Amino acid sequence: MTRGSDVDFSKIKSVLDGAERILVSSHARPDGDAYGSAIAMALHLRQSGKEVKVWNEQGMTSKFRYLPESTIVQAPPLIDPENFDVLLALDTSTKERLGSVLKGAGEVGTWINMDHHVSNHGYGDLNYIDDGAPATGQIVYDYLSETGGEISTAMAANLYLAISTDTGSFQYDKTSAHTFRLVADLVERGLDIPSLSTAMYDNYPRRRLDLLKSLLNRVRFECGDQIASFSLSLATRQELGVLPQDSEGLIDHLRAVEGVQIAVFFEELPQGKVRVSMRAKNKQFDVCKICSIFGGGGHAMASGARLPGPLVEAEEKVLEAVSHEIRIHD
C-alpha cells in the first residue's frame, strides 16, 4: 500500500470481481495517461467478463484515435443517467475533474479512485494513490501484474502511451528502473514502439503549427527571464480554428529555453474562465503549491488551475504568485 492509499490491489480486485456493470472514466481535457490507462483497464475488465463502459467528457478526441480499441471511449449521455456497480476513476485528482461524466452516471455502488497526483483529494470509497508513480498507466500495469491480469498487445500500446506521455518520453524525475523494466515487458508482449511513436509524435495537424507560431509571437518573460509565459485568447482560437487538444505539450517550448525555471500557459475558456498550465524545470520550484493558491493542483513540477477571467487579470495574479516563488529562492 502506498502513501495516500487506504486499500491495496487485492481489495480493489475483490470489489471489481463482485461487480457486473463498471464505468471507467478519467479527467476532462484528457491526455495520453487519461486515455491509455482507462482503455487498458477497460479491456482487462472486459476480458474478465464484465459489462464495461468507458466515458470521458470529450469522448475520444481525434488526436488519439490511432490507439487500439479507442472506439470504446464515448462521451457520457446528456439525458437518462446510467447506474453502475462501480465507477473507476483513473488519473483524476478531484471528482469535479470528471466533468459531465458526473451527470451521466446515476447511482453508483462503489467509487474507486486510482491516481498518481500528489494533490488527489481521496474522494473514492476506495482510494489507491501512488504519488511516486510517474503515470497512472504504471499503476494500472502494476495492478495487472500483481493480480494476474493478462496484458494483450492492445493493452500494451495503451499503457505505453500513458507512461511515455506522462514521463515526457521517460525524462521526468519519477521515471525509475521499474518504469523501464515494465516497458521492456510490454515490448516482449508485442508492443511496436516505432509505429506507435510515429502516430504519437509525427502526425500533428497543420493548425497546431499555426497555433505555436501565434503563441511564440506573444511570449512574455519575467524575473530576469526565469519565467516564460504565453496566452491563447478565445479570439485567436476561433481565428485559427484550433481544438483544445492542439495546445497539449506546447508549454514545453517555453520550459526548454535556457534560464527559464517556470513556464506558464494561459488559455481563455468560455463562460469567463481561464485555464492555467504550469511547468517547472527542477524540483526547487513547486508549481503544485502555486496552483493550489488558485484551487488547482497536480504534481510538484507540472500542475494546473482554473481561474475567473478576464484573461489579463488572471495573467497578472498568477504571474505575481510565480514571481514570488522565484524570488524566495533567489
C-alpha atoms as a PDB file:
ATOM      1  CA  MET A   1       0.000   0.000   0.000  1.00  0.00           C
ATOM      2  CA  THR A   2       1.341   3.433  -0.937  1.00  0.00           C
ATOM      3  CA  ARG A   3       1.182   6.835   0.726  1.00  0.00           C
ATOM      4  CA  GLY A   4      -2.287   8.314   0.239  1.00  0.00           C
ATOM      5  CA  SER A   5      -3.930   4.924  -0.256  1.00  0.00           C
ATOM      6  CA  ASP A   6      -6.466   3.313   2.027  1.00  0.00           C
ATOM      7  CA  VAL A   7      -6.621  -0.025   0.157  1.00  0.00           C
ATOM      8  CA  ASP A   8      -4.297  -2.369  -1.674  1.00  0.00           C
ATOM      9  CA  PHE A   9      -4.761  -4.000  -5.080  1.00  0.00           C
ATOM     10  CA  SER A  10      -6.302  -7.151  -3.630  1.00  0.00           C
ATOM     11  CA  LYS A  11      -9.174  -5.160  -2.124  1.00  0.00           C
ATOM     12  CA  ILE A  12      -9.794  -3.341  -5.416  1.00  0.00           C
ATOM     13  CA  LYS A  13      -9.769  -6.653  -7.295  1.00  0.00           C
ATOM     14  CA  SER A  14     -12.267  -8.111  -4.847  1.00  0.00           C
ATOM     15  CA  VAL A  15     -14.693  -5.236  -5.442  1.00  0.00           C
ATOM     16  CA  LEU A  16     -14.252  -5.360  -9.226  1.00  0.00           C
ATOM     17  CA  ASP A  17     -14.712  -9.148  -9.250  1.00  0.00           C
ATOM     18  CA  GLY A  18     -18.026  -8.724  -7.444  1.00  0.00           C
ATOM     19  CA  ALA A  19     -19.334  -6.075  -9.847  1.00  0.00           C
ATOM     20  CA  GLU A  20     -21.311  -6.616 -13.037  1.00  0.00           C
ATOM     21  CA  ARG A  21     -21.621  -3.120 -14.543  1.00  0.00           C
ATOM     22  CA  ILE A  22     -18.489  -0.978 -14.341  1.00  0.00           C
ATOM     23  CA  LEU A  23     -17.860   2.553 -15.596  1.00  0.00           C
ATOM     24  CA  VAL A  24     -14.233   3.501 -16.266  1.00  0.00           C
ATOM     25  CA  SER A  25     -13.532   7.202 -16.591  1.00  0.00           C
ATOM     26  CA  SER A  26     -10.773   9.818 -16.472  1.00  0.00           C
ATOM     27  CA  HIS A  27     -10.411  13.576 -16.294  1.00  0.00           C
ATOM     28  CA  ALA A  28     -11.795  16.159 -18.722  1.00  0.00           C
ATOM     29  CA  ARG A  29      -9.331  17.583 -21.257  1.00  0.00           C
ATOM     30  CA  PRO A  30      -7.801  14.091 -21.411  1.00  0.00           C
ATOM     31  CA  ASP A  31      -4.132  13.482 -22.090  1.00  0.00           C
ATOM     32  CA  GLY A  32      -2.367  10.253 -23.025  1.00  0.00           C
ATOM     33  CA  ASP A  33      -2.308   8.944 -19.466  1.00  0.00           C
ATOM     34  CA  ALA A  34      -6.035   9.560 -19.019  1.00  0.00           C
ATOM     35  CA  TYR A  35      -6.936   7.705 -22.203  1.00  0.00           C
ATOM     36  CA  GLY A  36      -4.301   4.984 -22.130  1.00  0.00           C
ATOM     37  CA  SER A  37      -4.853   3.892 -18.534  1.00  0.00           C
ATOM     38  CA  ALA A  38      -8.650   3.903 -18.967  1.00  0.00           C
ATOM     39  CA  ILE A  39      -8.643   1.861 -22.185  1.00  0.00           C
ATOM     40  CA  ALA A  40      -6.146  -0.665 -20.829  1.00  0.00           C
ATOM     41  CA  MET A  41      -8.123  -1.182 -17.627  1.00  0.00           C
ATOM     42  CA  ALA A  42     -11.411  -1.421 -19.519  1.00  0.00           C
ATOM     43  CA  LEU A  43     -10.003  -4.085 -21.841  1.00  0.00           C
ATOM     44  CA  HIS A  44      -8.841  -6.069 -18.818  1.00  0.00           C
ATOM     45  CA  LEU A  45     -12.277  -5.857 -17.206  1.00  0.00           C
ATOM     46  CA  ARG A  46     -13.961  -6.970 -20.420  1.00  0.00           C
ATOM     47  CA  GLN A  47     -11.599  -9.929 -20.561  1.00  0.00           C
ATOM     48  CA  SER A  48     -12.890 -10.758 -17.086  1.00  0.00           C
ATOM     49  CA  GLY A  49     -16.456 -10.891 -18.390  1.00  0.00           C
ATOM     50  CA  LYS A  50     -17.645  -7.553 -17.018  1.00  0.00           C
ATOM     51  CA  GLU A  51     -20.059  -5.156 -18.698  1.00  0.00           C
ATOM     52  CA  VAL A  52     -17.834  -2.109 -19.066  1.00  0.00           C
ATOM     53  CA  LYS A  53     -18.336   1.384 -20.388  1.00  0.00           C
ATOM     54  CA  VAL A  54     -15.596   3.988 -20.819  1.00  0.00           C
ATOM     55  CA  TRP A  55     -16.668   7.622 -20.651  1.00  0.00           C
ATOM     56  CA  ASN A  56     -14.792  10.862 -20.952  1.00  0.00           C
ATOM     57  CA  GLU A  57     -16.294  14.330 -21.156  1.00  0.00           C
ATOM     58  CA  GLN A  58     -14.642  14.810 -24.571  1.00  0.00           C
ATOM     59  CA  GLY A  59     -15.361  11.292 -25.790  1.00  0.00           C
ATOM     60  CA  MET A  60     -12.409  10.145 -27.921  1.00  0.00           C
ATOM     61  CA  THR A  61     -10.588  13.110 -29.453  1.00  0.00           C
ATOM     62  CA  SER A  62      -9.212  12.853 -32.986  1.00  0.00           C
ATOM     63  CA  LYS A  63      -5.657  13.202 -31.699  1.00  0.00           C
ATOM     64  CA  PHE A  64      -5.730   9.775 -30.036  1.00  0.00           C
ATOM     65  CA  ARG A  65      -7.906   7.784 -32.423  1.00  0.00           C
ATOM     66  CA  TYR A  66      -4.891   5.772 -33.548  1.00  0.00           C
ATOM     67  CA  LEU A  67      -4.956   3.928 -30.222  1.00  0.00           C
ATOM     68  CA  PRO A  68      -6.044   0.282 -30.375  1.00  0.00           C
ATOM     69  CA  GLU A  69      -9.669  -0.055 -29.199  1.00  0.00           C
ATOM     70  CA  SER A  70     -10.044   3.725 -28.987  1.00  0.00           C
ATOM     71  CA  THR A  71     -13.678   3.446 -30.099  1.00  0.00           C
ATOM     72  CA  ILE A  72     -14.701   2.093 -26.697  1.00  0.00           C
ATOM     73  CA  VAL A  73     -14.311   5.625 -25.271  1.00  0.00           C
ATOM     74  CA  GLN A  74     -17.597   7.521 -25.504  1.00  0.00           C
ATOM     75  CA  ALA A  75     -18.978  10.812 -24.263  1.00  0.00           C
ATOM     76  CA  PRO A  76     -21.438  10.395 -21.351  1.00  0.00           C
ATOM     77  CA  PRO A  77     -25.165  10.573 -22.108  1.00  0.00           C
ATOM     78  CA  LEU A  78     -26.747  14.002 -21.907  1.00  0.00           C
ATOM     79  CA  ILE A  79     -30.028  12.525 -20.632  1.00  0.00           C
ATOM     80  CA  ASP A  80     -31.094   9.296 -18.926  1.00  0.00           C
ATOM     81  CA  PRO A  81     -28.210   8.693 -16.473  1.00  0.00           C
ATOM     82  CA  GLU A  82     -26.998   5.094 -16.149  1.00  0.00           C
ATOM     83  CA  ASN A  83     -26.406   3.187 -12.928  1.00  0.00           C
ATOM     84  CA  PHE A  84     -23.229   1.214 -12.211  1.00  0.00           C
ATOM     85  CA  ASP A  85     -21.996  -1.157  -9.552  1.00  0.00           C
ATOM     86  CA  VAL A  86     -18.569   0.522  -9.697  1.00  0.00           C
ATOM     87  CA  LEU A  87     -17.223   3.772 -11.086  1.00  0.00           C
ATOM     88  CA  LEU A  88     -13.454   3.505 -11.517  1.00  0.00           C
ATOM     89  CA  ALA A  89     -11.889   6.963 -11.856  1.00  0.00           C
ATOM     90  CA  LEU A  90      -8.348   6.951 -13.228  1.00  0.00           C
ATOM     91  CA  ASP A  91      -5.788   9.773 -13.319  1.00  0.00           C
ATOM     92  CA  THR A  92      -8.309  12.216 -11.838  1.00  0.00           C
ATOM     93  CA  SER A  93      -7.301  14.224  -8.772  1.00  0.00           C
ATOM     94  CA  THR A  94     -10.767  15.560  -7.894  1.00  0.00           C
ATOM     95  CA  LYS A  95     -14.235  14.219  -8.601  1.00  0.00           C
ATOM     96  CA  GLU A  96     -15.172  17.502 -10.297  1.00  0.00           C
ATOM     97  CA  ARG A  97     -12.480  16.927 -12.947  1.00  0.00           C
ATOM     98  CA  LEU A  98     -14.666  14.154 -14.398  1.00  0.00           C
ATOM     99  CA  GLY A  99     -16.917  16.906 -15.731  1.00  0.00           C
ATOM    100  CA  SER A 100     -20.116  15.773 -17.440  1.00  0.00           C
ATOM    101  CA  VAL A 101     -19.413  12.142 -16.520  1.00  0.00           C
ATOM    102  CA  LEU A 102     -20.872  13.037 -13.128  1.00  0.00           C
ATOM    103  CA  LYS A 103     -24.194  13.873 -14.770  1.00  0.00           C
ATOM    104  CA  GLY A 104     -24.206  10.758 -16.945  1.00  0.00           C
ATOM    105  CA  ALA A 105     -23.617   8.421 -14.010  1.00  0.00           C
ATOM    106  CA  GLY A 106     -26.708   7.865 -11.880  1.00  0.00           C
ATOM    107  CA  GLU A 107     -26.485   5.583  -8.866  1.00  0.00           C
ATOM    108  CA  VAL A 108     -23.006   4.182  -8.225  1.00  0.00           C
ATOM    109  CA  GLY A 109     -22.439   1.396  -5.725  1.00  0.00           C
ATOM    110  CA  THR A 110     -18.714   1.959  -5.127  1.00  0.00           C
ATOM    111  CA  TRP A 111     -16.318   4.686  -6.208  1.00  0.00           C
ATOM    112  CA  ILE A 112     -12.742   3.531  -6.846  1.00  0.00           C
ATOM    113  CA  ASN A 113     -10.105   6.239  -7.222  1.00  0.00           C
ATOM    114  CA  MET A 114      -6.709   5.224  -8.712  1.00  0.00           C
ATOM    115  CA  ASP A 115      -4.276   8.049  -9.366  1.00  0.00           C
ATOM    116  CA  HIS A 116      -0.716   9.375  -9.067  1.00  0.00           C
ATOM    117  CA  HIS A 117      -1.307  13.078  -8.391  1.00  0.00           C
ATOM    118  CA  VAL A 118       0.016  14.352  -5.059  1.00  0.00           C
ATOM    119  CA  SER A 119      -2.983  16.713  -4.902  1.00  0.00           C
ATOM    120  CA  ASN A 120      -5.578  13.911  -5.138  1.00  0.00           C
ATOM    121  CA  HIS A 121      -8.466  14.558  -2.722  1.00  0.00           C
ATOM    122  CA  GLY A 122      -9.115  10.899  -1.865  1.00  0.00           C
ATOM    123  CA  TYR A 123     -12.748  11.185  -2.947  1.00  0.00           C
ATOM    124  CA  GLY A 124     -13.370   7.484  -3.565  1.00  0.00           C
ATOM    125  CA  ASP A 125     -14.851   4.820  -1.331  1.00  0.00           C
ATOM    126  CA  LEU A 126     -11.599   3.023  -2.164  1.00  0.00           C
ATOM    127  CA  ASN A 127      -8.508   5.125  -2.882  1.00  0.00           C
ATOM    128  CA  TYR A 128      -5.223   3.915  -4.333  1.00  0.00           C
ATOM    129  CA  ILE A 129      -2.947   6.942  -4.686  1.00  0.00           C
ATOM    130  CA  ASP A 130       0.717   6.451  -5.547  1.00  0.00           C
ATOM    131  CA  ASP A 131       2.288   9.871  -5.982  1.00  0.00           C
ATOM    132  CA  GLY A 132       5.640   8.179  -6.550  1.00  0.00           C
ATOM    133  CA  ALA A 133       4.418   6.669  -9.815  1.00  0.00           C
ATOM    134  CA  PRO A 134       5.246   8.718 -12.929  1.00  0.00           C
ATOM    135  CA  ALA A 135       1.908   7.887 -14.559  1.00  0.00           C
ATOM    136  CA  THR A 136      -1.411   6.257 -13.732  1.00  0.00           C
ATOM    137  CA  GLY A 137      -0.607   3.866 -16.572  1.00  0.00           C
ATOM    138  CA  GLN A 138       2.209   2.471 -14.435  1.00  0.00           C
ATOM    139  CA  ILE A 139      -0.239   1.919 -11.567  1.00  0.00           C
ATOM    140  CA  VAL A 140      -2.572   0.039 -13.922  1.00  0.00           C
ATOM    141  CA  TYR A 141       0.351  -2.096 -15.117  1.00  0.00           C
ATOM    142  CA  ASP A 142       1.297  -2.864 -11.515  1.00  0.00           C
ATOM    143  CA  TYR A 143      -2.315  -3.746 -10.718  1.00  0.00           C
ATOM    144  CA  LEU A 144      -2.494  -6.166 -13.648  1.00  0.00           C
ATOM    145  CA  SER A 145       0.863  -7.714 -12.768  1.00  0.00           C
ATOM    146  CA  GLU A 146       0.006  -8.193  -9.100  1.00  0.00           C
ATOM    147  CA  THR A 147      -3.494  -9.553  -9.693  1.00  0.00           C
ATOM    148  CA  GLY A 148      -2.610 -11.850 -12.589  1.00  0.00           C
ATOM    149  CA  GLY A 149      -4.246  -9.871 -15.379  1.00  0.00           C
ATOM    150  CA  GLU A 150      -3.244 -10.799 -18.926  1.00  0.00           C
ATOM    151  CA  ILE A 151      -1.819  -7.871 -20.920  1.00  0.00           C
ATOM    152  CA  SER A 152      -2.785  -8.027 -24.601  1.00  0.00           C
ATOM    153  CA  THR A 153      -0.964  -6.227 -27.403  1.00  0.00           C
ATOM    154  CA  ALA A 154      -3.722  -3.583 -27.477  1.00  0.00           C
ATOM    155  CA  MET A 155      -3.410  -3.038 -23.731  1.00  0.00           C
ATOM    156  CA  ALA A 156       0.384  -2.796 -24.047  1.00  0.00           C
ATOM    157  CA  ALA A 157       0.082   0.013 -26.611  1.00  0.00           C
ATOM    158  CA  ASN A 158      -2.309   1.971 -24.406  1.00  0.00           C
ATOM    159  CA  LEU A 159      -0.149   1.523 -21.320  1.00  0.00           C
ATOM    160  CA  TYR A 160       2.935   2.639 -23.234  1.00  0.00           C
ATOM    161  CA  LEU A 161       1.145   5.766 -24.427  1.00  0.00           C
ATOM    162  CA  ALA A 162       0.057   6.547 -20.862  1.00  0.00           C
ATOM    163  CA  ILE A 163       3.520   6.130 -19.412  1.00  0.00           C
ATOM    164  CA  SER A 164       5.526   7.640 -22.264  1.00  0.00           C
ATOM    165  CA  THR A 165       3.498  10.845 -22.422  1.00  0.00           C
ATOM    166  CA  ASP A 166       3.291  11.450 -18.670  1.00  0.00           C
ATOM    167  CA  THR A 167       7.024  10.898 -18.210  1.00  0.00           C
ATOM    168  CA  GLY A 168       7.886  13.322 -21.021  1.00  0.00           C
ATOM    169  CA  SER A 169       9.263  10.417 -23.062  1.00  0.00           C
ATOM    170  CA  PHE A 170      10.943   8.983 -19.943  1.00  0.00           C
ATOM    171  CA  GLN A 171      12.820  12.132 -18.910  1.00  0.00           C
ATOM    172  CA  TYR A 172      10.952  13.301 -15.780  1.00  0.00           C
ATOM    173  CA  ASP A 173      12.222  12.664 -12.277  1.00  0.00           C
ATOM    174  CA  LYS A 174       9.824   9.878 -11.227  1.00  0.00           C
ATOM    175  CA  THR A 175      10.843   7.705 -14.170  1.00  0.00           C
ATOM    176  CA  SER A 176      12.506   4.730 -12.488  1.00  0.00           C
ATOM    177  CA  ALA A 177      14.265   1.495 -13.297  1.00  0.00           C
ATOM    178  CA  HIS A 178      10.891  -0.186 -12.748  1.00  0.00           C
ATOM    179  CA  THR A 179       9.402   2.051 -15.461  1.00  0.00           C
ATOM    180  CA  PHE A 180      11.967   0.875 -17.998  1.00  0.00           C
ATOM    181  CA  ARG A 181      11.573  -2.766 -16.960  1.00  0.00           C
ATOM    182  CA  LEU A 182       7.827  -2.656 -17.463  1.00  0.00           C
ATOM    183  CA  VAL A 183       8.265  -1.090 -20.911  1.00  0.00           C
ATOM    184  CA  ALA A 184      10.634  -3.930 -21.796  1.00  0.00           C
ATOM    185  CA  ASP A 185       7.908  -6.327 -20.689  1.00  0.00           C
ATOM    186  CA  LEU A 186       5.384  -4.555 -22.921  1.00  0.00           C
ATOM    187  CA  VAL A 187       7.758  -4.905 -25.888  1.00  0.00           C
ATOM    188  CA  GLU A 188       8.051  -8.617 -25.179  1.00  0.00           C
ATOM    189  CA  ARG A 189       4.249  -8.774 -25.288  1.00  0.00           C
ATOM    190  CA  GLY A 190       4.199  -7.388 -28.826  1.00  0.00           C
ATOM    191  CA  LEU A 191       4.388  -3.620 -28.408  1.00  0.00           C
ATOM    192  CA  ASP A 192       5.583  -1.946 -31.650  1.00  0.00           C
ATOM    193  CA  ILE A 193       7.251   1.234 -30.357  1.00  0.00           C
ATOM    194  CA  PRO A 194       8.365   2.700 -33.735  1.00  0.00           C
ATOM    195  CA  SER A 195       4.881   2.538 -35.274  1.00  0.00           C
ATOM    196  CA  LEU A 196       3.202   3.863 -32.145  1.00  0.00           C
ATOM    197  CA  SER A 197       5.744   6.673 -31.775  1.00  0.00           C
ATOM    198  CA  THR A 198       5.096   7.804 -35.343  1.00  0.00           C
ATOM    199  CA  ALA A 199       1.384   8.110 -34.557  1.00  0.00           C
ATOM    200  CA  MET A 200       2.129   9.881 -31.268  1.00  0.00           C
ATOM    201  CA  TYR A 201       4.707  12.442 -32.366  1.00  0.00           C
ATOM    202  CA  ASP A 202       4.764  12.721 -36.178  1.00  0.00           C
ATOM    203  CA  ASN A 203       1.128  13.227 -37.083  1.00  0.00           C
ATOM    204  CA  TYR A 204       0.121  16.695 -35.865  1.00  0.00           C
ATOM    205  CA  PRO A 205      -2.380  18.784 -37.872  1.00  0.00           C
ATOM    206  CA  ARG A 206      -1.155  21.931 -39.627  1.00  0.00           C
ATOM    207  CA  ARG A 207      -3.295  24.117 -37.360  1.00  0.00           C
ATOM    208  CA  ARG A 208      -1.139  23.101 -34.370  1.00  0.00           C
ATOM    209  CA  LEU A 209       1.898  24.662 -36.046  1.00  0.00           C
ATOM    210  CA  ASP A 210      -0.125  27.790 -36.798  1.00  0.00           C
ATOM    211  CA  LEU A 211      -1.095  27.934 -33.128  1.00  0.00           C
ATOM    212  CA  LEU A 212       2.510  27.549 -31.964  1.00  0.00           C
ATOM    213  CA  LYS A 213       3.617  30.335 -34.310  1.00  0.00           C
ATOM    214  CA  SER A 214       0.942  32.627 -32.889  1.00  0.00           C
ATOM    215  CA  LEU A 215       1.825  31.808 -29.283  1.00  0.00           C
ATOM    216  CA  LEU A 216       5.559  32.302 -29.763  1.00  0.00           C
ATOM    217  CA  ASN A 217       4.869  35.789 -31.067  1.00  0.00           C
ATOM    218  CA  ARG A 218       3.303  36.557 -27.672  1.00  0.00           C
ATOM    219  CA  VAL A 219       5.937  35.121 -25.312  1.00  0.00           C
ATOM    220  CA  ARG A 220       6.405  37.115 -22.124  1.00  0.00           C
ATOM    221  CA  PHE A 221       9.438  36.876 -19.802  1.00  0.00           C
ATOM    222  CA  GLU A 222       9.593  37.872 -16.120  1.00  0.00           C
ATOM    223  CA  CYS A 223      12.099  37.796 -13.233  1.00  0.00           C
ATOM    224  CA  GLY A 224      15.253  38.013 -15.279  1.00  0.00           C
ATOM    225  CA  ASP A 225      13.900  35.560 -17.872  1.00  0.00           C
ATOM    226  CA  GLN A 226      13.303  32.873 -15.238  1.00  0.00           C
ATOM    227  CA  ILE A 227       9.552  32.878 -16.000  1.00  0.00           C
ATOM    228  CA  ALA A 228       8.209  32.449 -19.531  1.00  0.00           C
ATOM    229  CA  SER A 229       4.528  32.569 -20.457  1.00  0.00           C
ATOM    230  CA  PHE A 230       2.165  32.873 -23.380  1.00  0.00           C
ATOM    231  CA  SER A 231      -1.604  33.167 -23.724  1.00  0.00           C
ATOM    232  CA  LEU A 232      -4.319  31.863 -26.036  1.00  0.00           C
ATOM    233  CA  SER A 233      -7.424  34.025 -26.279  1.00  0.00           C
ATOM    234  CA  LEU A 234     -10.813  32.852 -27.463  1.00  0.00           C
ATOM    235  CA  ALA A 235     -10.499  35.230 -30.410  1.00  0.00           C
ATOM    236  CA  THR A 236      -7.219  33.622 -31.538  1.00  0.00           C
ATOM    237  CA  ARG A 237      -8.648  30.127 -31.062  1.00  0.00           C
ATOM    238  CA  GLN A 238     -11.589  30.995 -33.298  1.00  0.00           C
ATOM    239  CA  GLU A 239      -9.401  32.731 -35.877  1.00  0.00           C
ATOM    240  CA  LEU A 240      -7.089  29.716 -36.231  1.00  0.00           C
ATOM    241  CA  GLY A 241      -9.823  27.092 -35.834  1.00  0.00           C
ATOM    242  CA  VAL A 242      -7.806  25.151 -33.262  1.00  0.00           C
ATOM    243  CA  LEU A 243      -9.192  22.464 -30.976  1.00  0.00           C
ATOM    244  CA  PRO A 244      -8.418  22.110 -27.239  1.00  0.00           C
ATOM    245  CA  GLN A 245      -6.204  19.089 -27.955  1.00  0.00           C
ATOM    246  CA  ASP A 246      -3.943  21.150 -30.263  1.00  0.00           C
ATOM    247  CA  SER A 247      -2.321  23.038 -27.388  1.00  0.00           C
ATOM    248  CA  GLU A 248      -1.166  19.961 -25.456  1.00  0.00           C
ATOM    249  CA  GLY A 249       2.605  19.970 -24.967  1.00  0.00           C
ATOM    250  CA  LEU A 250       3.240  23.431 -26.405  1.00  0.00           C
ATOM    251  CA  ILE A 251       4.243  24.739 -22.990  1.00  0.00           C
ATOM    252  CA  ASP A 252       7.364  22.573 -23.234  1.00  0.00           C
ATOM    253  CA  HIS A 253       8.775  25.013 -25.802  1.00  0.00           C
ATOM    254  CA  LEU A 254       8.881  27.614 -23.035  1.00  0.00           C
ATOM    255  CA  ARG A 255      10.380  25.337 -20.404  1.00  0.00           C
ATOM    256  CA  ALA A 256      13.122  24.312 -22.844  1.00  0.00           C
ATOM    257  CA  VAL A 257      14.544  27.854 -23.009  1.00  0.00           C
ATOM    258  CA  GLU A 258      17.868  28.255 -21.195  1.00  0.00           C
ATOM    259  CA  GLY A 259      17.423  30.050 -17.884  1.00  0.00           C
ATOM    260  CA  VAL A 260      13.644  29.563 -17.693  1.00  0.00           C
ATOM    261  CA  GLN A 261      12.687  27.931 -14.392  1.00  0.00           C
ATOM    262  CA  ILE A 262       8.880  28.057 -14.615  1.00  0.00           C
ATOM    263  CA  ALA A 263       6.721  28.091 -17.767  1.00  0.00           C
ATOM    264  CA  VAL A 264       3.067  29.155 -17.758  1.00  0.00           C
ATOM    265  CA  PHE A 265       0.372  28.780 -20.405  1.00  0.00           C
ATOM    266  CA  PHE A 266      -2.860  30.784 -20.104  1.00  0.00           C
ATOM    267  CA  GLU A 267      -5.889  29.681 -22.091  1.00  0.00           C
ATOM    268  CA  GLU A 268      -9.105  31.681 -22.186  1.00  0.00           C
ATOM    269  CA  LEU A 269     -12.189  29.478 -21.890  1.00  0.00           C
ATOM    270  CA  PRO A 270     -15.888  30.144 -22.455  1.00  0.00           C
ATOM    271  CA  GLN A 271     -18.008  31.397 -19.553  1.00  0.00           C
ATOM    272  CA  GLY A 272     -15.278  33.792 -18.437  1.00  0.00           C
ATOM    273  CA  LYS A 273     -12.789  31.197 -17.161  1.00  0.00           C
ATOM    274  CA  VAL A 274      -9.033  30.939 -17.700  1.00  0.00           C
ATOM    275  CA  ARG A 275      -7.158  27.640 -17.740  1.00  0.00           C
ATOM    276  CA  VAL A 276      -3.599  27.776 -16.419  1.00  0.00           C
ATOM    277  CA  SER A 277      -0.926  25.153 -17.069  1.00  0.00           C
ATOM    278  CA  MET A 278       2.385  25.409 -15.238  1.00  0.00           C
ATOM    279  CA  ARG A 279       5.687  23.535 -15.569  1.00  0.00           C
ATOM    280  CA  ALA A 280       8.888  23.730 -13.520  1.00  0.00           C
ATOM    281  CA  LYS A 281      12.333  22.792 -14.740  1.00  0.00           C
ATOM    282  CA  ASN A 282      13.636  21.384 -11.462  1.00  0.00           C
ATOM    283  CA  LYS A 283      12.479  20.278  -8.009  1.00  0.00           C
ATOM    284  CA  GLN A 284      13.467  23.569  -6.419  1.00  0.00           C
ATOM    285  CA  PHE A 285      10.187  25.113  -7.598  1.00  0.00           C
ATOM    286  CA  ASP A 286       6.868  23.543  -6.561  1.00  0.00           C
ATOM    287  CA  VAL A 287       4.254  24.626  -9.103  1.00  0.00           C
ATOM    288  CA  CYS A 288       1.621  22.458  -7.417  1.00  0.00           C
ATOM    289  CA  LYS A 289       1.905  24.751  -4.398  1.00  0.00           C
ATOM    290  CA  ILE A 290       1.424  27.791  -6.630  1.00  0.00           C
ATOM    291  CA  CYS A 291      -1.585  26.321  -8.436  1.00  0.00           C
ATOM    292  CA  SER A 292      -3.180  25.313  -5.132  1.00  0.00           C
ATOM    293  CA  ILE A 293      -3.460  29.033  -4.314  1.00  0.00           C
ATOM    294  CA  PHE A 294      -5.971  29.214  -7.147  1.00  0.00           C
ATOM    295  CA  GLY A 295      -7.804  25.981  -6.352  1.00  0.00           C
ATOM    296  CA  GLY A 296      -5.744  23.787  -8.681  1.00  0.00           C
ATOM    297  CA  GLY A 297      -3.120  21.102  -8.248  1.00  0.00           C
ATOM    298  CA  GLY A 298      -1.300  18.223  -9.881  1.00  0.00           C
ATOM    299  CA  HIS A 299       2.402  17.457  -9.496  1.00  0.00           C
ATOM    300  CA  ALA A 300       5.269  19.395  -7.989  1.00  0.00           C
ATOM    301  CA  MET A 301       6.729  20.066 -11.443  1.00  0.00           C
ATOM    302  CA  ALA A 302       3.550  20.016 -13.566  1.00  0.00           C
ATOM    303  CA  SER A 303       0.252  21.448 -12.370  1.00  0.00           C
ATOM    304  CA  GLY A 304      -2.740  23.488 -13.421  1.00  0.00           C
ATOM    305  CA  ALA A 305      -5.704  25.542 -12.255  1.00  0.00           C
ATOM    306  CA  ARG A 306      -8.809  27.353 -13.491  1.00  0.00           C
ATOM    307  CA  LEU A 307      -9.450  30.968 -12.559  1.00  0.00           C
ATOM    308  CA  PRO A 308     -12.133  33.537 -13.178  1.00  0.00           C
ATOM    309  CA  GLY A 309     -11.305  35.891 -16.026  1.00  0.00           C
ATOM    310  CA  PRO A 310     -10.757  38.203 -17.686  1.00  0.00           C
ATOM    311  CA  LEU A 311      -7.588  36.812 -19.220  1.00  0.00           C
ATOM    312  CA  VAL A 312      -5.366  39.826 -18.474  1.00  0.00           C
ATOM    313  CA  GLU A 313      -6.329  39.878 -14.798  1.00  0.00           C
ATOM    314  CA  ALA A 314      -5.734  36.130 -14.433  1.00  0.00           C
ATOM    315  CA  GLU A 315      -2.296  36.537 -16.018  1.00  0.00           C
ATOM    316  CA  GLU A 316      -1.283  39.238 -13.581  1.00  0.00           C
ATOM    317  CA  LYS A 317      -2.479  37.336 -10.495  1.00  0.00           C
ATOM    318  CA  VAL A 318      -0.771  34.102 -11.462  1.00  0.00           C
ATOM    319  CA  LEU A 319       2.478  35.666 -12.650  1.00  0.00           C
ATOM    320  CA  GLU A 320       2.737  37.595  -9.393  1.00  0.00           C
ATOM    321  CA  ALA A 321       2.440  34.325  -7.457  1.00  0.00           C
ATOM    322  CA  VAL A 322       5.029  32.680  -9.712  1.00  0.00           C
ATOM    323  CA  SER A 323       7.358  35.653  -9.332  1.00  0.00           C
ATOM    324  CA  HIS A 324       7.055  35.359  -5.551  1.00  0.00           C
ATOM    325  CA  GLU A 325       8.085  31.690  -5.757  1.00  0.00           C
ATOM    326  CA  ILE A 326      11.115  32.661  -7.847  1.00  0.00           C
ATOM    327  CA  ARG A 327      12.117  35.489  -5.509  1.00  0.00           C
ATOM    328  CA  ILE A 328      12.080  33.404  -2.347  1.00  0.00           C
ATOM    329  CA  HIS A 329      14.642  31.071  -3.956  1.00  0.00           C
ATOM    330  CA  ASP A 330      16.935  33.803  -5.303  1.00  0.00           C
END
